[in-house]
């Protein structure tokens, strides 16, 4: 008597890497330049020069992406920026 062995394998599924999330800062006329730059430095731990570039870009273009990464980190950055009333959005 011969025995047959059947091996059932599950199809392999590749998980997609986490899509990169972004934190967008929008320009507003309700904050002073220095307030925005200071808050950016707090939120993303950057230099004054970098924060100034983001602030100028938001002012001139209407918005700027100030952070890219995992959703949780983007939300933390948005919370810090939003804590003084800045307009922000987290998206993919």
PDB file of N, CA and C in Angstrom:
ATOM      1  N   UNK A   1       0.820  -1.165   0.000  1.00  0.00           N
ATOM      2  CA  UNK A   1       0.000   0.000   0.000  1.00  0.00           C
ATOM      3  C   UNK A   1       0.879   1.249   0.000  1.00  0.00           C
ATOM      4  N   UNK A   2       0.670   2.122  -0.946  1.00  0.00           N
ATOM      5  CA  UNK A   2       1.468   3.331  -0.984  1.00  0.00           C
ATOM      6  C   UNK A   2       0.680   4.480  -0.365  1.00  0.00           C
ATOM      7  N   UNK A   3       1.393   5.343   0.274  1.00  0.00           N
ATOM      8  CA  UNK A   3       0.708   6.483   0.899  1.00  0.00           C
ATOM      9  C   UNK A   3       1.077   7.745   0.156  1.00  0.00           C
ATOM     10  N   UNK A   4       0.083   8.545  -0.013  1.00  0.00           N
ATOM     11  CA  UNK A   4       0.295   9.829  -0.676  1.00  0.00           C
ATOM     12  C   UNK A   4       0.260  10.928   0.377  1.00  0.00           C
ATOM     13  N   UNK A   5       1.177  11.800   0.275  1.00  0.00           N
ATOM     14  CA  UNK A   5       1.188  12.943   1.167  1.00  0.00           C
ATOM     15  C   UNK A   5       0.906  14.182   0.341  1.00  0.00           C
ATOM     16  N   UNK A   6      -0.083  14.896   0.752  1.00  0.00           N
ATOM     17  CA  UNK A   6      -0.413  16.133   0.069  1.00  0.00           C
ATOM     18  C   UNK A   6       0.013  17.284   0.954  1.00  0.00           C
ATOM     19  N   UNK A   7       0.771  18.159   0.385  1.00  0.00           N
ATOM     20  CA  UNK A   7       1.235  19.334   1.121  1.00  0.00           C
ATOM     21  C   UNK A   7       0.475  20.536   0.600  1.00  0.00           C
ATOM     22  N   UNK A   8      -0.211  21.190   1.497  1.00  0.00           N
ATOM     23  CA  UNK A   8      -0.947  22.401   1.131  1.00  0.00           C
ATOM     24  C   UNK A   8      -0.164  23.584   1.657  1.00  0.00           C
ATOM     25  N   UNK A   9       0.178  24.435   0.762  1.00  0.00           N
ATOM     26  CA  UNK A   9       0.914  25.629   1.186  1.00  0.00           C
ATOM     27  C   UNK A   9       0.021  26.847   1.038  1.00  0.00           C
ATOM     28  N   UNK A  10       0.167  27.717   1.957  1.00  0.00           N
ATOM     29  CA  UNK A  10      -0.582  28.968   1.890  1.00  0.00           C
ATOM     30  C   UNK A  10       0.148  29.906   0.943  1.00  0.00           C
ATOM     31  N   UNK A  11      -0.593  30.610   0.149  1.00  0.00           N
ATOM     32  CA  UNK A  11       0.081  31.577  -0.726  1.00  0.00           C
ATOM     33  C   UNK A  11       0.765  32.637   0.130  1.00  0.00           C
ATOM     34  N   UNK A  12       1.908  33.028  -0.300  1.00  0.00           N
ATOM     35  CA  UNK A  12       2.619  34.053   0.462  1.00  0.00           C
ATOM     36  C   UNK A  12       2.077  35.418   0.079  1.00  0.00           C
ATOM     37  N   UNK A  13       1.866  36.216   1.068  1.00  0.00           N
ATOM     38  CA  UNK A  13       1.414  37.574   0.808  1.00  0.00           C
ATOM     39  C   UNK A  13       2.472  38.524   1.310  1.00  0.00           C
ATOM     40  N   UNK A  14       2.802  39.421   0.477  1.00  0.00           N
ATOM     41  CA  UNK A  14       3.777  40.429   0.875  1.00  0.00           C
ATOM     42  C   UNK A  14       3.019  41.608   1.446  1.00  0.00           C
ATOM     43  N   UNK A  15       3.433  42.037   2.593  1.00  0.00           N
ATOM     44  CA  UNK A  15       2.768  43.192   3.191  1.00  0.00           C
ATOM     45  C   UNK A  15       3.382  44.457   2.616  1.00  0.00           C
ATOM     46  N   UNK A  16       2.537  45.395   2.341  1.00  0.00           N
ATOM     47  CA  UNK A  16       3.006  46.668   1.817  1.00  0.00           C
ATOM     48  C   UNK A  16       3.702  47.422   2.945  1.00  0.00           C
ATOM     49  N   UNK A  17       4.809  48.030   2.626  1.00  0.00           N
ATOM     50  CA  UNK A  17       5.449  48.844   3.671  1.00  0.00           C
ATOM     51  C   UNK A  17       4.523  49.991   4.044  1.00  0.00           C
ATOM     52  N   UNK A  18       4.682  50.476   5.262  1.00  0.00           N
ATOM     53  CA  UNK A  18       3.870  51.622   5.687  1.00  0.00           C
ATOM     54  C   UNK A  18       4.022  52.747   4.672  1.00  0.00           C
ATOM     55  N   UNK A  19       2.902  53.222   4.229  1.00  0.00           N
ATOM     56  CA  UNK A  19       2.962  54.358   3.327  1.00  0.00           C
ATOM     57  C   UNK A  19       3.420  55.563   4.120  1.00  0.00           C
ATOM     58  N   UNK A  20       4.153  56.403   3.475  1.00  0.00           N
ATOM     59  CA  UNK A  20       4.684  57.573   4.162  1.00  0.00           C
ATOM     60  C   UNK A  20       3.568  58.581   4.398  1.00  0.00           C
ATOM     61  N   UNK A  21       3.457  59.022   5.630  1.00  0.00           N
ATOM     62  CA  UNK A  21       2.502  60.055   6.019  1.00  0.00           C
ATOM     63  C   UNK A  21       3.216  61.392   6.011  1.00  0.00           C
ATOM     64  N   UNK A  22       2.452  62.458   5.918  1.00  0.00           N
ATOM     65  CA  UNK A  22       3.025  63.796   5.872  1.00  0.00           C
ATOM     66  C   UNK A  22       2.241  64.744   6.771  1.00  0.00           C
ATOM     67  N   UNK A  23       2.959  65.700   7.321  1.00  0.00           N
ATOM     68  CA  UNK A  23       2.318  66.769   8.086  1.00  0.00           C
ATOM     69  C   UNK A  23       2.473  68.060   7.295  1.00  0.00           C
ATOM     70  N   UNK A  24       1.335  68.629   6.930  1.00  0.00           N
ATOM     71  CA  UNK A  24       1.313  69.857   6.144  1.00  0.00           C
ATOM     72  C   UNK A  24       0.975  71.030   7.059  1.00  0.00           C
ATOM     73  N   UNK A  25       1.738  72.096   6.936  1.00  0.00           N
ATOM     74  CA  UNK A  25       1.482  73.344   7.652  1.00  0.00           C
ATOM     75  C   UNK A  25       0.952  74.360   6.658  1.00  0.00           C
ATOM     76  N   UNK A  26      -0.151  74.998   7.014  1.00  0.00           N
ATOM     77  CA  UNK A  26      -0.758  76.008   6.141  1.00  0.00           C
ATOM     78  C   UNK A  26      -0.453  77.407   6.653  1.00  0.00           C
ATOM     79  N   UNK A  27      -0.328  78.333   5.722  1.00  0.00           N
ATOM     80  CA  UNK A  27      -0.084  79.720   6.083  1.00  0.00           C
ATOM     81  C   UNK A  27      -1.329  80.311   6.747  1.00  0.00           C
ATOM     82  N   UNK A  28      -1.089  81.173   7.704  1.00  0.00           N
ATOM     83  CA  UNK A  28      -2.181  81.945   8.299  1.00  0.00           C
ATOM     84  C   UNK A  28      -1.631  83.321   8.662  1.00  0.00           C
ATOM     85  N   UNK A  29      -2.505  84.268   8.732  1.00  0.00           N
ATOM     86  CA  UNK A  29      -2.086  85.631   9.063  1.00  0.00           C
ATOM     87  C   UNK A  29      -2.292  85.954  10.534  1.00  0.00           C
ATOM     88  N   UNK A  30      -2.571  84.926  11.327  1.00  0.00           N
ATOM     89  CA  UNK A  30      -2.880  85.156  12.735  1.00  0.00           C
ATOM     90  C   UNK A  30      -1.678  84.939  13.661  1.00  0.00           C
ATOM     91  N   UNK A  31      -0.532  84.577  13.111  1.00  0.00           N
ATOM     92  CA  UNK A  31       0.661  84.350  13.934  1.00  0.00           C
ATOM     93  C   UNK A  31       1.834  85.141  13.375  1.00  0.00           C
ATOM     94  N   UNK A  32       2.693  85.563  14.266  1.00  0.00           N
ATOM     95  CA  UNK A  32       3.919  86.232  13.857  1.00  0.00           C
ATOM     96  C   UNK A  32       4.891  85.203  13.273  1.00  0.00           C
ATOM     97  N   UNK A  33       5.738  85.676  12.382  1.00  0.00           N
ATOM     98  CA  UNK A  33       6.736  84.822  11.742  1.00  0.00           C
ATOM     99  C   UNK A  33       7.540  84.035  12.776  1.00  0.00           C
ATOM    100  N   UNK A  34       8.028  84.744  13.796  1.00  0.00           N
ATOM    101  CA  UNK A  34       8.883  84.109  14.803  1.00  0.00           C
ATOM    102  C   UNK A  34       8.132  83.042  15.592  1.00  0.00           C
ATOM    103  N   UNK A  35       6.823  83.238  15.812  1.00  0.00           N
ATOM    104  CA  UNK A  35       6.023  82.242  16.537  1.00  0.00           C
ATOM    105  C   UNK A  35       5.947  80.928  15.749  1.00  0.00           C
ATOM    106  N   UNK A  36       5.727  81.061  14.460  1.00  0.00           N
ATOM    107  CA  UNK A  36       5.624  79.877  13.602  1.00  0.00           C
ATOM    108  C   UNK A  36       6.967  79.148  13.553  1.00  0.00           C
ATOM    109  N   UNK A  37       8.034  79.895  13.332  1.00  0.00           N
ATOM    110  CA  UNK A  37       9.366  79.289  13.259  1.00  0.00           C
ATOM    111  C   UNK A  37       9.721  78.588  14.575  1.00  0.00           C
ATOM    112  N   UNK A  38       9.415  79.234  15.678  1.00  0.00           N
ATOM    113  CA  UNK A  38       9.697  78.644  16.992  1.00  0.00           C
ATOM    114  C   UNK A  38       8.918  77.339  17.191  1.00  0.00           C
ATOM    115  N   UNK A  39       7.677  77.331  16.771  1.00  0.00           N
ATOM    116  CA  UNK A  39       6.847  76.144  16.944  1.00  0.00           C
ATOM    117  C   UNK A  39       7.318  75.006  16.041  1.00  0.00           C
ATOM    118  N   UNK A  40       7.776  75.341  14.851  1.00  0.00           N
ATOM    119  CA  UNK A  40       8.330  74.320  13.956  1.00  0.00           C
ATOM    120  C   UNK A  40       9.573  73.693  14.590  1.00  0.00           C
ATOM    121  N   UNK A  41      10.422  74.525  15.177  1.00  0.00           N
ATOM    122  CA  UNK A  41      11.630  73.997  15.842  1.00  0.00           C
ATOM    123  C   UNK A  41      11.253  73.030  16.960  1.00  0.00           C
ATOM    124  N   UNK A  42      10.241  73.365  17.724  1.00  0.00           N
ATOM    125  CA  UNK A  42       9.778  72.475  18.793  1.00  0.00           C
ATOM    126  C   UNK A  42       9.200  71.174  18.234  1.00  0.00           C
ATOM    127  N   UNK A  43       8.438  71.295  17.170  1.00  0.00           N
ATOM    128  CA  UNK A  43       7.713  70.151  16.626  1.00  0.00           C
ATOM    129  C   UNK A  43       8.616  69.124  15.959  1.00  0.00           C
ATOM    130  N   UNK A  44       9.601  69.603  15.194  1.00  0.00           N
ATOM    131  CA  UNK A  44      10.419  68.649  14.435  1.00  0.00           C
ATOM    132  C   UNK A  44      11.884  68.633  14.851  1.00  0.00           C
ATOM    133  N   UNK A  45      12.205  69.379  15.895  1.00  0.00           N
ATOM    134  CA  UNK A  45      13.581  69.400  16.422  1.00  0.00           C
ATOM    135  C   UNK A  45      14.586  69.763  15.328  1.00  0.00           C
ATOM    136  N   UNK A  46      14.366  70.927  14.718  1.00  0.00           N
ATOM    137  CA  UNK A  46      15.254  71.367  13.641  1.00  0.00           C
ATOM    138  C   UNK A  46      15.954  72.668  14.033  1.00  0.00           C
ATOM    139  N   UNK A  47      16.822  73.103  13.165  1.00  0.00           N
ATOM    140  CA  UNK A  47      17.550  74.343  13.398  1.00  0.00           C
ATOM    141  C   UNK A  47      16.657  75.540  13.082  1.00  0.00           C
ATOM    142  N   UNK A  48      17.095  76.700  13.531  1.00  0.00           N
ATOM    143  CA  UNK A  48      16.365  77.933  13.240  1.00  0.00           C
ATOM    144  C   UNK A  48      16.332  78.202  11.740  1.00  0.00           C
ATOM    145  N   UNK A  49      17.417  77.890  11.056  1.00  0.00           N
ATOM    146  CA  UNK A  49      17.480  78.106   9.609  1.00  0.00           C
ATOM    147  C   UNK A  49      16.452  77.247   8.872  1.00  0.00           C
ATOM    148  N   UNK A  50      16.346  75.999   9.261  1.00  0.00           N
ATOM    149  CA  UNK A  50      15.369  75.098   8.635  1.00  0.00           C
ATOM    150  C   UNK A  50      13.949  75.562   8.924  1.00  0.00           C
ATOM    151  N   UNK A  51      13.695  75.922  10.163  1.00  0.00           N
ATOM    152  CA  UNK A  51      12.362  76.403  10.542  1.00  0.00           C
ATOM    153  C   UNK A  51      12.012  77.670   9.763  1.00  0.00           C
ATOM    154  N   UNK A  52      12.987  78.534   9.571  1.00  0.00           N
ATOM    155  CA  UNK A  52      12.765  79.760   8.803  1.00  0.00           C
ATOM    156  C   UNK A  52      12.411  79.446   7.357  1.00  0.00           C
ATOM    157  N   UNK A  53      13.093  78.469   6.773  1.00  0.00           N
ATOM    158  CA  UNK A  53      12.792  78.078   5.390  1.00  0.00           C
ATOM    159  C   UNK A  53      11.360  77.563   5.268  1.00  0.00           C
ATOM    160  N   UNK A  54      10.943  76.720   6.211  1.00  0.00           N
ATOM    161  CA  UNK A  54       9.574  76.210   6.193  1.00  0.00           C
ATOM    162  C   UNK A  54       8.564  77.346   6.355  1.00  0.00           C
ATOM    163  N   UNK A  55       8.862  78.272   7.239  1.00  0.00           N
ATOM    164  CA  UNK A  55       7.955  79.386   7.494  1.00  0.00           C
ATOM    165  C   UNK A  55       7.799  80.262   6.259  1.00  0.00           C
ATOM    166  N   UNK A  56       8.901  80.573   5.616  1.00  0.00           N
ATOM    167  CA  UNK A  56       8.871  81.395   4.404  1.00  0.00           C
ATOM    168  C   UNK A  56       8.118  80.670   3.284  1.00  0.00           C
ATOM    169  N   UNK A  57       8.371  79.376   3.145  1.00  0.00           N
ATOM    170  CA  UNK A  57       7.689  78.598   2.107  1.00  0.00           C
ATOM    171  C   UNK A  57       6.185  78.575   2.336  1.00  0.00           C
ATOM    172  N   UNK A  58       5.769  78.339   3.575  1.00  0.00           N
ATOM    173  CA  UNK A  58       4.332  78.344   3.889  1.00  0.00           C
ATOM    174  C   UNK A  58       3.729  79.713   3.587  1.00  0.00           C
ATOM    175  N   UNK A  59       4.444  80.764   3.930  1.00  0.00           N
ATOM    176  CA  UNK A  59       3.957  82.125   3.685  1.00  0.00           C
ATOM    177  C   UNK A  59       3.826  82.407   2.191  1.00  0.00           C
ATOM    178  N   UNK A  60       4.848  82.030   1.432  1.00  0.00           N
ATOM    179  CA  UNK A  60       4.866  82.343   0.001  1.00  0.00           C
ATOM    180  C   UNK A  60       3.971  81.435  -0.836  1.00  0.00           C
ATOM    181  N   UNK A  61       3.901  80.149  -0.486  1.00  0.00           N
ATOM    182  CA  UNK A  61       3.156  79.185  -1.301  1.00  0.00           C
ATOM    183  C   UNK A  61       1.798  78.796  -0.715  1.00  0.00           C
ATOM    184  N   UNK A  62       1.579  79.155   0.539  1.00  0.00           N
ATOM    185  CA  UNK A  62       0.311  78.817   1.180  1.00  0.00           C
ATOM    186  C   UNK A  62       0.367  77.580   2.054  1.00  0.00           C
ATOM    187  N   UNK A  63       1.355  76.730   1.820  1.00  0.00           N
ATOM    188  CA  UNK A  63       1.515  75.533   2.650  1.00  0.00           C
ATOM    189  C   UNK A  63       2.886  74.926   2.410  1.00  0.00           C
ATOM    190  N   UNK A  64       3.274  74.056   3.343  1.00  0.00           N
ATOM    191  CA  UNK A  64       4.548  73.346   3.212  1.00  0.00           C
ATOM    192  C   UNK A  64       4.478  72.056   4.023  1.00  0.00           C
ATOM    193  N   UNK A  65       5.067  70.991   3.484  1.00  0.00           N
ATOM    194  CA  UNK A  65       5.185  69.742   4.240  1.00  0.00           C
ATOM    195  C   UNK A  65       6.384  69.900   5.161  1.00  0.00           C
ATOM    196  N   UNK A  66       6.139  69.814   6.476  1.00  0.00           N
ATOM    197  CA  UNK A  66       7.222  70.001   7.435  1.00  0.00           C
ATOM    198  C   UNK A  66       7.750  68.688   8.000  1.00  0.00           C
ATOM    199  N   UNK A  67       7.028  67.591   7.752  1.00  0.00           N
ATOM    200  CA  UNK A  67       7.476  66.303   8.292  1.00  0.00           C
ATOM    201  C   UNK A  67       6.893  65.165   7.475  1.00  0.00           C
ATOM    202  N   UNK A  68       7.703  64.119   7.276  1.00  0.00           N
ATOM    203  CA  UNK A  68       7.262  62.886   6.621  1.00  0.00           C
ATOM    204  C   UNK A  68       7.702  61.717   7.479  1.00  0.00           C
ATOM    205  N   UNK A  69       6.827  60.734   7.636  1.00  0.00           N
ATOM    206  CA  UNK A  69       7.179  59.564   8.436  1.00  0.00           C
ATOM    207  C   UNK A  69       5.965  58.728   8.764  1.00  0.00           C
ATOM    208  N   UNK A  70       6.056  58.009   9.868  1.00  0.00           N
ATOM    209  CA  UNK A  70       4.944  57.175  10.305  1.00  0.00           C
ATOM    210  C   UNK A  70       3.798  58.055  10.791  1.00  0.00           C
ATOM    211  N   UNK A  71       2.606  57.513  10.693  1.00  0.00           N
ATOM    212  CA  UNK A  71       1.402  58.266  11.037  1.00  0.00           C
ATOM    213  C   UNK A  71       1.472  58.850  12.440  1.00  0.00           C
ATOM    214  N   UNK A  72       1.897  58.037  13.406  1.00  0.00           N
ATOM    215  CA  UNK A  72       1.931  58.495  14.800  1.00  0.00           C
ATOM    216  C   UNK A  72       2.865  59.688  14.983  1.00  0.00           C
ATOM    217  N   UNK A  73       4.010  59.650  14.314  1.00  0.00           N
ATOM    218  CA  UNK A  73       4.960  60.760  14.441  1.00  0.00           C
ATOM    219  C   UNK A  73       4.417  62.011  13.761  1.00  0.00           C
ATOM    220  N   UNK A  74       3.778  61.822  12.620  1.00  0.00           N
ATOM    221  CA  UNK A  74       3.179  62.969  11.931  1.00  0.00           C
ATOM    222  C   UNK A  74       2.090  63.609  12.780  1.00  0.00           C
ATOM    223  N   UNK A  75       1.316  62.784  13.457  1.00  0.00           N
ATOM    224  CA  UNK A  75       0.261  63.310  14.325  1.00  0.00           C
ATOM    225  C   UNK A  75       0.845  64.062  15.510  1.00  0.00           C
ATOM    226  N   UNK A  76       1.964  63.580  16.054  1.00  0.00           N
ATOM    227  CA  UNK A  76       2.614  64.291  17.166  1.00  0.00           C
ATOM    228  C   UNK A  76       3.114  65.658  16.718  1.00  0.00           C
ATOM    229  N   UNK A  77       3.713  65.694  15.524  1.00  0.00           N
ATOM    230  CA  UNK A  77       4.183  66.973  14.982  1.00  0.00           C
ATOM    231  C   UNK A  77       2.995  67.915  14.800  1.00  0.00           C
ATOM    232  N   UNK A  78       1.911  67.401  14.248  1.00  0.00           N
ATOM    233  CA  UNK A  78       0.712  68.218  14.047  1.00  0.00           C
ATOM    234  C   UNK A  78       0.152  68.718  15.370  1.00  0.00           C
ATOM    235  N   UNK A  79       0.193  67.888  16.403  1.00  0.00           N
ATOM    236  CA  UNK A  79      -0.299  68.308  17.721  1.00  0.00           C
ATOM    237  C   UNK A  79       0.511  69.470  18.268  1.00  0.00           C
ATOM    238  N   UNK A  80       1.832  69.414  18.118  1.00  0.00           N
ATOM    239  CA  UNK A  80       2.689  70.499  18.615  1.00  0.00           C
ATOM    240  C   UNK A  80       2.412  71.779  17.833  1.00  0.00           C
ATOM    241  N   UNK A  81       2.332  71.660  16.516  1.00  0.00           N
ATOM    242  CA  UNK A  81       2.057  72.847  15.700  1.00  0.00           C
ATOM    243  C   UNK A  81       0.674  73.405  15.992  1.00  0.00           C
ATOM    244  N   UNK A  82      -0.285  72.526  16.119  1.00  0.00           N
ATOM    245  CA  UNK A  82      -1.661  72.945  16.362  1.00  0.00           C
ATOM    246  C   UNK A  82      -1.908  73.492  17.751  1.00  0.00           C
ATOM    247  N   UNK A  83      -1.003  73.222  18.681  1.00  0.00           N
ATOM    248  CA  UNK A  83      -1.210  73.653  20.057  1.00  0.00           C
ATOM    249  C   UNK A  83      -1.252  75.182  20.212  1.00  0.00           C
ATOM    250  N   UNK A  84      -0.713  75.906  19.238  1.00  0.00           N
ATOM    251  CA  UNK A  84      -0.813  77.372  19.294  1.00  0.00           C
ATOM    252  C   UNK A  84      -1.789  77.883  18.229  1.00  0.00           C
ATOM    253  N   UNK A  85      -2.540  76.976  17.628  1.00  0.00           N
ATOM    254  CA  UNK A  85      -3.570  77.380  16.685  1.00  0.00           C
ATOM    255  C   UNK A  85      -3.141  77.411  15.225  1.00  0.00           C
ATOM    256  N   UNK A  86      -1.981  76.828  14.915  1.00  0.00           N
ATOM    257  CA  UNK A  86      -1.576  76.762  13.520  1.00  0.00           C
ATOM    258  C   UNK A  86      -2.453  75.752  12.784  1.00  0.00           C
ATOM    259  N   UNK A  87      -2.691  76.007  11.503  1.00  0.00           N
ATOM    260  CA  UNK A  87      -3.494  75.104  10.684  1.00  0.00           C
ATOM    261  C   UNK A  87      -2.602  74.006  10.110  1.00  0.00           C
ATOM    262  N   UNK A  88      -2.916  72.760  10.431  1.00  0.00           N
ATOM    263  CA  UNK A  88      -2.118  71.629   9.966  1.00  0.00           C
ATOM    264  C   UNK A  88      -3.026  70.506   9.489  1.00  0.00           C
ATOM    265  N   UNK A  89      -2.433  69.600   8.715  1.00  0.00           N
ATOM    266  CA  UNK A  89      -3.157  68.438   8.216  1.00  0.00           C
ATOM    267  C   UNK A  89      -2.174  67.283   8.115  1.00  0.00           C
ATOM    268  N   UNK A  90      -2.615  66.084   8.537  1.00  0.00           N
ATOM    269  CA  UNK A  90      -1.829  64.860   8.390  1.00  0.00           C
ATOM    270  C   UNK A  90      -2.501  64.021   7.319  1.00  0.00           C
ATOM    271  N   UNK A  91      -1.710  63.564   6.343  1.00  0.00           N
ATOM    272  CA  UNK A  91      -2.284  62.788   5.237  1.00  0.00           C
ATOM    273  C   UNK A  91      -1.249  61.856   4.634  1.00  0.00           C
ATOM    274  N   UNK A  92      -1.736  60.954   3.767  1.00  0.00           N
ATOM    275  CA  UNK A  92      -0.846  60.060   3.015  1.00  0.00           C
ATOM    276  C   UNK A  92      -0.734  60.557   1.609  1.00  0.00           C
TER     277      UNK A  92
END
